Full PDB file with SEQRES, HELIX, SHEET, SSBOND, CRYST1, ORIGX, SCALE, CONECT and MASTER records, all heavy atoms in Angstrom:
SEQRES   1 A   34  VAL TYR SER HIS LEU ALA TYR ASP ILE LEU PRO GLY GLN          
SEQRES   2 A   34  ARG GLN SER VAL ARG ARG PRO ASP VAL LEU ILE LEU GLU          
SEQRES   3 A   34  GLY LEU ASN VAL LEU GLN PRO ALA                              
CRYST1    1.000    1.000    1.000  90.00  90.00  90.00 P 1           1          
ORIGX1      1.000000  0.000000  0.000000        0.00000                         
ORIGX2      0.000000  1.000000  0.000000        0.00000                         
ORIGX3      0.000000  0.000000  1.000000        0.00000                         
SCALE1      1.000000  0.000000  0.000000        0.00000                         
SCALE2      0.000000  1.000000  0.000000        0.00000                         
SCALE3      0.000000  0.000000  1.000000        0.00000                         
ATOM      1  N   VAL A   1       1.427 -11.009   5.568  1.00  0.00           N  
ATOM      2  CA  VAL A   1       2.610 -12.095   5.723  1.00  0.00           C  
ATOM      3  C   VAL A   1       2.053 -13.195   6.700  1.00  0.00           C  
ATOM      4  O   VAL A   1       1.763 -12.800   7.846  1.00  0.00           O  
ATOM      5  CB  VAL A   1       3.851 -11.440   6.120  1.00  0.00           C  
ATOM      6  CG1 VAL A   1       4.890 -12.552   6.393  1.00  0.00           C  
ATOM      7  CG2 VAL A   1       4.459 -10.548   5.146  1.00  0.00           C  
ATOM      8  N   TYR A   2       2.015 -14.357   6.272  1.00  0.00           N  
ATOM      9  CA  TYR A   2       1.749 -15.507   7.044  1.00  0.00           C  
ATOM     10  C   TYR A   2       2.872 -16.237   7.563  1.00  0.00           C  
ATOM     11  O   TYR A   2       3.856 -16.524   6.817  1.00  0.00           O  
ATOM     12  CB  TYR A   2       0.784 -16.520   6.389  1.00  0.00           C  
ATOM     13  CG  TYR A   2       0.353 -17.752   7.318  1.00  0.00           C  
ATOM     14  CD1 TYR A   2      -0.774 -17.531   8.097  1.00  0.00           C  
ATOM     15  CD2 TYR A   2       1.139 -18.871   7.193  1.00  0.00           C  
ATOM     16  CE1 TYR A   2      -1.176 -18.602   8.820  1.00  0.00           C  
ATOM     17  CE2 TYR A   2       0.542 -19.944   8.013  1.00  0.00           C  
ATOM     18  CZ  TYR A   2      -0.505 -19.909   8.863  1.00  0.00           C  
ATOM     19  OH  TYR A   2      -0.887 -20.878   9.548  1.00  0.00           O  
ATOM     20  N   SER A   3       2.950 -16.469   8.950  1.00  0.00           N  
ATOM     21  CA  SER A   3       4.124 -17.250   9.390  1.00  0.00           C  
ATOM     22  C   SER A   3       3.694 -18.687   9.945  1.00  0.00           C  
ATOM     23  O   SER A   3       2.789 -18.904  10.707  1.00  0.00           O  
ATOM     24  CB  SER A   3       4.590 -16.410  10.803  1.00  0.00           C  
ATOM     25  OG  SER A   3       5.474 -17.361  11.448  1.00  0.00           O  
ATOM     26  N   HIS A   4       4.417 -19.631   9.263  1.00  0.00           N  
ATOM     27  CA  HIS A   4       4.061 -20.954   9.644  1.00  0.00           C  
ATOM     28  C   HIS A   4       4.573 -21.301  11.101  1.00  0.00           C  
ATOM     29  O   HIS A   4       4.115 -22.302  11.732  1.00  0.00           O  
ATOM     30  CB  HIS A   4       4.766 -21.998   8.642  1.00  0.00           C  
ATOM     31  CG  HIS A   4       3.958 -21.987   7.364  1.00  0.00           C  
ATOM     32  ND1 HIS A   4       2.815 -22.789   7.075  1.00  0.00           N  
ATOM     33  CD2 HIS A   4       4.216 -21.329   6.215  1.00  0.00           C  
ATOM     34  CE1 HIS A   4       2.343 -22.586   5.901  1.00  0.00           C  
ATOM     35  NE2 HIS A   4       3.165 -21.720   5.360  1.00  0.00           N  
ATOM     36  N   LEU A   5       5.572 -20.579  11.580  1.00  0.00           N  
ATOM     37  CA  LEU A   5       5.990 -20.767  12.895  1.00  0.00           C  
ATOM     38  C   LEU A   5       4.968 -20.231  13.980  1.00  0.00           C  
ATOM     39  O   LEU A   5       4.619 -20.947  14.823  1.00  0.00           O  
ATOM     40  CB  LEU A   5       7.301 -19.976  13.197  1.00  0.00           C  
ATOM     41  CG  LEU A   5       7.807 -19.903  14.594  1.00  0.00           C  
ATOM     42  CD1 LEU A   5       8.158 -21.211  14.994  1.00  0.00           C  
ATOM     43  CD2 LEU A   5       9.089 -19.023  14.700  1.00  0.00           C  
ATOM     44  N   ALA A   6       4.478 -19.014  13.652  1.00  0.00           N  
ATOM     45  CA  ALA A   6       3.349 -18.430  14.584  1.00  0.00           C  
ATOM     46  C   ALA A   6       2.038 -18.975  14.204  1.00  0.00           C  
ATOM     47  O   ALA A   6       1.078 -18.952  15.047  1.00  0.00           O  
ATOM     48  CB  ALA A   6       3.373 -16.882  14.514  1.00  0.00           C  
ATOM     49  N   TYR A   7       1.885 -19.691  13.124  1.00  0.00           N  
ATOM     50  CA  TYR A   7       0.589 -20.200  12.535  1.00  0.00           C  
ATOM     51  C   TYR A   7      -0.378 -19.186  12.578  1.00  0.00           C  
ATOM     52  O   TYR A   7      -1.566 -19.403  12.893  1.00  0.00           O  
ATOM     53  CB  TYR A   7       0.249 -21.399  13.542  1.00  0.00           C  
ATOM     54  CG  TYR A   7      -0.900 -22.291  12.979  1.00  0.00           C  
ATOM     55  CD1 TYR A   7      -0.560 -23.100  11.877  1.00  0.00           C  
ATOM     56  CD2 TYR A   7      -2.067 -22.432  13.681  1.00  0.00           C  
ATOM     57  CE1 TYR A   7      -1.584 -23.892  11.447  1.00  0.00           C  
ATOM     58  CE2 TYR A   7      -3.098 -23.348  13.187  1.00  0.00           C  
ATOM     59  CZ  TYR A   7      -2.947 -24.033  12.012  1.00  0.00           C  
ATOM     60  OH  TYR A   7      -3.910 -24.887  11.618  1.00  0.00           O  
ATOM     61  N   ASP A   8       0.001 -18.038  12.072  1.00  0.00           N  
ATOM     62  CA  ASP A   8      -0.921 -16.962  11.914  1.00  0.00           C  
ATOM     63  C   ASP A   8      -0.331 -15.860  11.085  1.00  0.00           C  
ATOM     64  O   ASP A   8       0.803 -15.823  10.774  1.00  0.00           O  
ATOM     65  CB  ASP A   8      -1.142 -16.369  13.504  1.00  0.00           C  
ATOM     66  CG  ASP A   8      -2.472 -15.536  13.675  1.00  0.00           C  
ATOM     67  OD1 ASP A   8      -3.162 -15.357  12.647  1.00  0.00           O  
ATOM     68  OD2 ASP A   8      -2.725 -15.119  14.834  1.00  0.00           O  
ATOM     69  N   ILE A   9      -1.235 -14.802  10.696  1.00  0.00           N  
ATOM     70  CA  ILE A   9      -0.939 -13.660  10.039  1.00  0.00           C  
ATOM     71  C   ILE A   9      -0.055 -12.788  11.001  1.00  0.00           C  
ATOM     72  O   ILE A   9      -0.346 -12.613  12.248  1.00  0.00           O  
ATOM     73  CB  ILE A   9      -2.154 -12.817   9.552  1.00  0.00           C  
ATOM     74  CG1 ILE A   9      -2.811 -13.739   8.511  1.00  0.00           C  
ATOM     75  CG2 ILE A   9      -1.697 -11.512   8.852  1.00  0.00           C  
ATOM     76  CD1 ILE A   9      -2.145 -14.072   7.184  1.00  0.00           C  
ATOM     77  N   LEU A  10       1.065 -12.242  10.528  1.00  0.00           N  
ATOM     78  CA  LEU A  10       1.903 -11.435  11.400  1.00  0.00           C  
ATOM     79  C   LEU A  10       1.354  -9.971  11.363  1.00  0.00           C  
ATOM     80  O   LEU A  10       1.405  -9.345  10.336  1.00  0.00           O  
ATOM     81  CB  LEU A  10       3.313 -11.508  10.969  1.00  0.00           C  
ATOM     82  CG  LEU A  10       4.058 -12.881  10.953  1.00  0.00           C  
ATOM     83  CD1 LEU A  10       5.392 -12.834  10.483  1.00  0.00           C  
ATOM     84  CD2 LEU A  10       3.993 -13.382  12.456  1.00  0.00           C  
ATOM     85  N   PRO A  11       1.016  -9.388  12.497  1.00  0.00           N  
ATOM     86  CA  PRO A  11       0.446  -8.057  12.496  1.00  0.00           C  
ATOM     87  C   PRO A  11       1.517  -7.019  12.139  1.00  0.00           C  
ATOM     88  O   PRO A  11       2.703  -7.141  12.462  1.00  0.00           O  
ATOM     89  CB  PRO A  11       0.100  -7.859  14.060  1.00  0.00           C  
ATOM     90  CG  PRO A  11      -0.035  -9.215  14.505  1.00  0.00           C  
ATOM     91  CD  PRO A  11       0.898 -10.044  13.798  1.00  0.00           C  
ATOM     92  N   GLY A  12       1.157  -6.103  11.221  1.00  0.00           N  
ATOM     93  CA  GLY A  12       2.045  -5.046  10.808  1.00  0.00           C  
ATOM     94  C   GLY A  12       3.087  -5.468   9.845  1.00  0.00           C  
ATOM     95  O   GLY A  12       3.908  -4.515   9.333  1.00  0.00           O  
ATOM     96  N   GLN A  13       3.166  -6.555   9.299  1.00  0.00           N  
ATOM     97  CA  GLN A  13       4.109  -7.052   8.350  1.00  0.00           C  
ATOM     98  C   GLN A  13       3.548  -7.141   6.963  1.00  0.00           C  
ATOM     99  O   GLN A  13       2.347  -7.768   6.885  1.00  0.00           O  
ATOM    100  CB  GLN A  13       4.861  -8.291   8.694  1.00  0.00           C  
ATOM    101  CG  GLN A  13       5.619  -8.195  10.005  1.00  0.00           C  
ATOM    102  CD  GLN A  13       6.633  -9.226  10.094  1.00  0.00           C  
ATOM    103  OE1 GLN A  13       7.158  -9.853   9.195  1.00  0.00           O  
ATOM    104  NE2 GLN A  13       7.106  -9.553  11.327  1.00  0.00           N  
ATOM    105  N   ARG A  14       4.102  -6.790   5.924  1.00  0.00           N  
ATOM    106  CA  ARG A  14       3.650  -6.759   4.482  1.00  0.00           C  
ATOM    107  C   ARG A  14       4.742  -7.277   3.560  1.00  0.00           C  
ATOM    108  O   ARG A  14       5.881  -7.027   3.857  1.00  0.00           O  
ATOM    109  CB  ARG A  14       3.084  -5.508   4.190  1.00  0.00           C  
ATOM    110  CG  ARG A  14       2.173  -4.815   5.028  1.00  0.00           C  
ATOM    111  CD  ARG A  14       0.703  -5.293   4.984  1.00  0.00           C  
ATOM    112  NE  ARG A  14       0.060  -5.141   3.711  1.00  0.00           N  
ATOM    113  CZ  ARG A  14      -1.234  -5.595   3.344  1.00  0.00           C  
ATOM    114  NH1 ARG A  14      -1.877  -6.136   4.347  1.00  0.00           N  
ATOM    115  NH2 ARG A  14      -1.697  -5.430   2.407  1.00  0.00           N  
ATOM    116  N   GLN A  15       4.326  -8.077   2.595  1.00  0.00           N  
ATOM    117  CA  GLN A  15       5.239  -8.329   1.621  1.00  0.00           C  
ATOM    118  C   GLN A  15       4.927  -7.508   0.314  1.00  0.00           C  
ATOM    119  O   GLN A  15       3.790  -7.395  -0.062  1.00  0.00           O  
ATOM    120  CB  GLN A  15       4.959  -9.795   1.089  1.00  0.00           C  
ATOM    121  CG  GLN A  15       5.834 -10.251  -0.198  1.00  0.00           C  
ATOM    122  CD  GLN A  15       5.479 -11.677  -0.613  1.00  0.00           C  
ATOM    123  OE1 GLN A  15       4.714 -12.379   0.034  1.00  0.00           O  
ATOM    124  NE2 GLN A  15       6.235 -12.125  -1.637  1.00  0.00           N  
ATOM    125  N   SER A  16       5.906  -6.767  -0.124  1.00  0.00           N  
ATOM    126  CA  SER A  16       5.789  -5.894  -1.312  1.00  0.00           C  
ATOM    127  C   SER A  16       6.171  -6.609  -2.594  1.00  0.00           C  
ATOM    128  O   SER A  16       7.167  -7.341  -2.688  1.00  0.00           O  
ATOM    129  CB  SER A  16       6.784  -4.692  -1.020  1.00  0.00           C  
ATOM    130  OG  SER A  16       6.414  -3.929   0.035  1.00  0.00           O  
ATOM    131  N   VAL A  17       5.381  -6.326  -3.540  1.00  0.00           N  
ATOM    132  CA  VAL A  17       5.526  -6.881  -4.924  1.00  0.00           C  
ATOM    133  C   VAL A  17       5.607  -5.556  -5.793  1.00  0.00           C  
ATOM    134  O   VAL A  17       4.721  -4.851  -5.920  1.00  0.00           O  
ATOM    135  CB  VAL A  17       4.356  -7.782  -5.285  1.00  0.00           C  
ATOM    136  CG1 VAL A  17       4.586  -8.249  -6.805  1.00  0.00           C  
ATOM    137  CG2 VAL A  17       4.465  -8.997  -4.394  1.00  0.00           C  
ATOM    138  N   ARG A  18       6.725  -5.562  -6.654  1.00  0.00           N  
ATOM    139  CA  ARG A  18       6.963  -4.313  -7.342  1.00  0.00           C  
ATOM    140  C   ARG A  18       7.118  -4.769  -8.864  1.00  0.00           C  
ATOM    141  O   ARG A  18       8.031  -5.145  -9.291  1.00  0.00           O  
ATOM    142  CB  ARG A  18       8.131  -3.521  -7.037  1.00  0.00           C  
ATOM    143  CG  ARG A  18       8.108  -3.098  -5.448  1.00  0.00           C  
ATOM    144  CD  ARG A  18       9.453  -2.384  -5.088  1.00  0.00           C  
ATOM    145  NE  ARG A  18       9.296  -1.843  -3.773  1.00  0.00           N  
ATOM    146  CZ  ARG A  18       9.554  -2.365  -2.663  1.00  0.00           C  
ATOM    147  NH1 ARG A  18       9.994  -3.643  -2.730  1.00  0.00           N  
ATOM    148  NH2 ARG A  18       9.447  -1.813  -1.535  1.00  0.00           N  
ATOM    149  N   ARG A  19       6.093  -4.659  -9.633  1.00  0.00           N  
ATOM    150  CA  ARG A  19       5.911  -4.791 -11.044  1.00  0.00           C  
ATOM    151  C   ARG A  19       6.818  -5.941 -11.462  1.00  0.00           C  
ATOM    152  O   ARG A  19       7.806  -5.912 -12.265  1.00  0.00           O  
ATOM    153  CB  ARG A  19       6.355  -3.544 -11.785  1.00  0.00           C  
ATOM    154  CG  ARG A  19       5.268  -2.521 -11.778  1.00  0.00           C  
ATOM    155  CD  ARG A  19       5.622  -1.275 -12.541  1.00  0.00           C  
ATOM    156  NE  ARG A  19       4.592  -0.365 -12.685  1.00  0.00           N  
ATOM    157  CZ  ARG A  19       4.647   0.902 -13.129  1.00  0.00           C  
ATOM    158  NH1 ARG A  19       5.736   1.358 -13.551  1.00  0.00           N  
ATOM    159  NH2 ARG A  19       3.532   1.687 -13.232  1.00  0.00           N  
ATOM    160  N   PRO A  20       6.436  -7.192 -11.189  1.00  0.00           N  
ATOM    161  CA  PRO A  20       7.236  -8.427 -11.589  1.00  0.00           C  
ATOM    162  C   PRO A  20       7.017  -8.656 -13.109  1.00  0.00           C  
ATOM    163  O   PRO A  20       5.885  -8.260 -13.672  1.00  0.00           O  
ATOM    164  CB  PRO A  20       6.724  -9.521 -10.821  1.00  0.00           C  
ATOM    165  CG  PRO A  20       5.390  -9.137 -10.438  1.00  0.00           C  
ATOM    166  CD  PRO A  20       5.345  -7.607 -10.393  1.00  0.00           C  
ATOM    167  N   ASP A  21       7.929  -9.291 -13.685  1.00  0.00           N  
ATOM    168  CA  ASP A  21       7.768  -9.773 -15.085  1.00  0.00           C  
ATOM    169  C   ASP A  21       7.011 -11.232 -15.046  1.00  0.00           C  
ATOM    170  O   ASP A  21       6.102 -11.454 -15.884  1.00  0.00           O  
ATOM    171  CB  ASP A  21       9.045 -10.031 -15.825  1.00  0.00           C  
ATOM    172  CG  ASP A  21       9.796  -8.763 -15.993  1.00  0.00           C  
ATOM    173  OD1 ASP A  21       9.324  -7.783 -16.512  1.00  0.00           O  
ATOM    174  OD2 ASP A  21      11.012  -8.755 -15.516  1.00  0.00           O  
ATOM    175  N   VAL A  22       7.294 -11.915 -13.977  1.00  0.00           N  
ATOM    176  CA  VAL A  22       6.566 -13.267 -13.675  1.00  0.00           C  
ATOM    177  C   VAL A  22       6.170 -13.130 -12.226  1.00  0.00           C  
ATOM    178  O   VAL A  22       6.939 -12.859 -11.315  1.00  0.00           O  
ATOM    179  CB  VAL A  22       7.582 -14.380 -13.970  1.00  0.00           C  
ATOM    180  CG1 VAL A  22       6.840 -15.602 -13.671  1.00  0.00           C  
ATOM    181  CG2 VAL A  22       8.167 -14.359 -15.393  1.00  0.00           C  
ATOM    182  N   LEU A  23       4.945 -13.556 -12.088  1.00  0.00           N  
ATOM    183  CA  LEU A  23       4.409 -13.751 -10.714  1.00  0.00           C  
ATOM    184  C   LEU A  23       3.953 -15.149 -10.359  1.00  0.00           C  
ATOM    185  O   LEU A  23       3.278 -15.750 -11.274  1.00  0.00           O  
ATOM    186  CB  LEU A  23       3.106 -12.876 -10.576  1.00  0.00           C  
ATOM    187  CG  LEU A  23       2.242 -13.138  -9.230  1.00  0.00           C  
ATOM    188  CD1 LEU A  23       3.188 -12.528  -8.003  1.00  0.00           C  
ATOM    189  CD2 LEU A  23       0.972 -12.235  -9.343  1.00  0.00           C  
ATOM    190  N   ILE A  24       4.525 -15.869  -9.369  1.00  0.00           N  
ATOM    191  CA  ILE A  24       4.281 -17.088  -9.080  1.00  0.00           C  
ATOM    192  C   ILE A  24       3.327 -17.158  -7.812  1.00  0.00           C  
ATOM    193  O   ILE A  24       3.657 -16.596  -6.820  1.00  0.00           O  
ATOM    194  CB  ILE A  24       5.444 -18.061  -8.842  1.00  0.00           C  
ATOM    195  CG1 ILE A  24       6.310 -18.098 -10.034  1.00  0.00           C  
ATOM    196  CG2 ILE A  24       5.078 -19.501  -8.401  1.00  0.00           C  
ATOM    197  CD1 ILE A  24       7.645 -18.757  -9.852  1.00  0.00           C  
ATOM    198  N   LEU A  25       2.135 -17.716  -7.966  1.00  0.00           N  
ATOM    199  CA  LEU A  25       1.096 -17.896  -6.871  1.00  0.00           C  
ATOM    200  C   LEU A  25       1.010 -19.355  -6.394  1.00  0.00           C  
ATOM    201  O   LEU A  25       0.783 -20.155  -7.294  1.00  0.00           O  
ATOM    202  CB  LEU A  25      -0.191 -17.339  -7.294  1.00  0.00           C  
ATOM    203  CG  LEU A  25      -0.406 -15.872  -7.582  1.00  0.00           C  
ATOM    204  CD1 LEU A  25      -1.810 -15.639  -8.188  1.00  0.00           C  
ATOM    205  CD2 LEU A  25      -0.172 -15.130  -6.384  1.00  0.00           C  
ATOM    206  N   GLU A  26       1.245 -19.617  -5.192  1.00  0.00           N  
ATOM    207  CA  GLU A  26       1.343 -21.023  -4.666  1.00  0.00           C  
ATOM    208  C   GLU A  26       0.242 -21.110  -3.520  1.00  0.00           C  
ATOM    209  O   GLU A  26       0.348 -20.215  -2.603  1.00  0.00           O  
ATOM    210  CB  GLU A  26       2.684 -21.347  -4.168  1.00  0.00           C  
ATOM    211  CG  GLU A  26       2.837 -22.781  -3.583  1.00  0.00           C  
ATOM    212  CD  GLU A  26       2.804 -22.640  -2.091  1.00  0.00           C  
ATOM    213  OE1 GLU A  26       3.394 -21.700  -1.478  1.00  0.00           O  
ATOM    214  OE2 GLU A  26       1.949 -23.461  -1.484  1.00  0.00           O  
ATOM    215  N   GLY A  27      -0.524 -22.157  -3.598  1.00  0.00           N  
ATOM    216  CA  GLY A  27      -1.392 -22.365  -2.539  1.00  0.00           C  
ATOM    217  C   GLY A  27      -2.495 -23.438  -2.755  1.00  0.00           C  
ATOM    218  O   GLY A  27      -2.694 -23.806  -3.921  1.00  0.00           O  
ATOM    219  N   LEU A  28      -3.179 -23.796  -1.702  1.00  0.00           N  
ATOM    220  CA  LEU A  28      -4.302 -24.805  -1.770  1.00  0.00           C  
ATOM    221  C   LEU A  28      -5.310 -24.375  -2.626  1.00  0.00           C  
ATOM    222  O   LEU A  28      -5.977 -25.224  -3.420  1.00  0.00           O  
ATOM    223  CB  LEU A  28      -4.837 -25.033  -0.422  1.00  0.00           C  
ATOM    224  CG  LEU A  28      -3.777 -25.494   0.709  1.00  0.00           C  
ATOM    225  CD1 LEU A  28      -4.715 -25.535   2.169  1.00  0.00           C  
ATOM    226  CD2 LEU A  28      -3.241 -26.784   0.370  1.00  0.00           C  
ATOM    227  N   ASN A  29      -5.697 -23.033  -2.710  1.00  0.00           N  
ATOM    228  CA  ASN A  29      -6.932 -22.541  -3.257  1.00  0.00           C  
ATOM    229  C   ASN A  29      -6.745 -21.803  -4.498  1.00  0.00           C  
ATOM    230  O   ASN A  29      -7.660 -21.094  -5.031  1.00  0.00           O  
ATOM    231  CB  ASN A  29      -7.635 -21.644  -2.229  1.00  0.00           C  
ATOM    232  CG  ASN A  29      -6.820 -20.375  -1.813  1.00  0.00           C  
ATOM    233  OD1 ASN A  29      -5.564 -20.503  -1.972  1.00  0.00           O  
ATOM    234  ND2 ASN A  29      -7.447 -19.420  -1.491  1.00  0.00           N  
ATOM    235  N   VAL A  30      -5.544 -21.890  -5.055  1.00  0.00           N  
ATOM    236  CA  VAL A  30      -5.263 -20.992  -6.151  1.00  0.00           C  
ATOM    237  C   VAL A  30      -5.917 -21.217  -7.468  1.00  0.00           C  
ATOM    238  O   VAL A  30      -6.164 -20.373  -8.301  1.00  0.00           O  
ATOM    239  CB  VAL A  30      -3.746 -20.893  -6.364  1.00  0.00           C  
ATOM    240  CG1 VAL A  30      -3.271 -22.135  -7.162  1.00  0.00           C  
ATOM    241  CG2 VAL A  30      -3.264 -19.593  -7.142  1.00  0.00           C  
ATOM    242  N   LEU A  31      -6.589 -22.460  -7.503  1.00  0.00           N  
ATOM    243  CA  LEU A  31      -7.279 -22.743  -8.764  1.00  0.00           C  
ATOM    244  C   LEU A  31      -8.848 -22.899  -8.510  1.00  0.00           C  
ATOM    245  O   LEU A  31      -9.611 -23.442  -9.336  1.00  0.00           O  
ATOM    246  CB  LEU A  31      -6.760 -24.042  -9.277  1.00  0.00           C  
ATOM    247  CG  LEU A  31      -5.335 -24.097 -10.009  1.00  0.00           C  
ATOM    248  CD1 LEU A  31      -5.068 -25.382 -10.510  1.00  0.00           C  
ATOM    249  CD2 LEU A  31      -5.312 -23.067 -11.061  1.00  0.00           C  
ATOM    250  N   GLN A  32      -9.201 -22.611  -7.316  1.00  0.00           N  
ATOM    251  CA  GLN A  32     -10.566 -22.615  -6.849  1.00  0.00           C  
ATOM    252  C   GLN A  32     -11.522 -21.782  -7.896  1.00  0.00           C  
ATOM    253  O   GLN A  32     -11.097 -20.624  -8.304  1.00  0.00           O  
ATOM    254  CB  GLN A  32     -10.906 -21.963  -5.566  1.00  0.00           C  
ATOM    255  CG  GLN A  32     -10.280 -22.967  -4.490  1.00  0.00           C  
ATOM    256  CD  GLN A  32     -10.953 -24.232  -4.140  1.00  0.00           C  
ATOM    257  OE1 GLN A  32     -12.156 -24.305  -4.416  1.00  0.00           O  
ATOM    258  NE2 GLN A  32     -10.202 -25.241  -3.780  1.00  0.00           N  
ATOM    259  N   PRO A  33     -12.636 -22.355  -8.284  1.00  0.00           N  
ATOM    260  CA  PRO A  33     -13.550 -21.575  -9.100  1.00  0.00           C  
ATOM    261  C   PRO A  33     -14.235 -20.539  -8.223  1.00  0.00           C  
ATOM    262  O   PRO A  33     -14.287 -20.501  -7.026  1.00  0.00           O  
ATOM    263  CB  PRO A  33     -14.682 -22.561  -9.513  1.00  0.00           C  
ATOM    264  CG  PRO A  33     -14.598 -23.568  -8.474  1.00  0.00           C  
ATOM    265  CD  PRO A  33     -13.231 -23.664  -7.961  1.00  0.00           C  
ATOM    266  N   ALA A  34     -14.784 -19.515  -8.948  1.00  0.00           N  
ATOM    267  CA  ALA A  34     -15.417 -18.313  -8.280  1.00  0.00           C  
ATOM    268  C   ALA A  34     -16.729 -18.682  -8.027  1.00  0.00           C  
ATOM    269  O   ALA A  34     -17.473 -19.494  -8.713  1.00  0.00           O  
ATOM    270  CB  ALA A  34     -15.355 -17.049  -9.153  1.00  0.00           C  
TER     271      ALA A  34                                                      
MASTER        0    0    0    0    0    0    0    6  270    1    0    3          
END                                                                             
């Protein structure tokens, strides 16, 4: 989990994703080639 307030990854915190029907990925690099 990234915090824009702390401007850093939060130690010990995780976001759980449980079998979604639709997954939305948002970000600067999401279409970057490999």
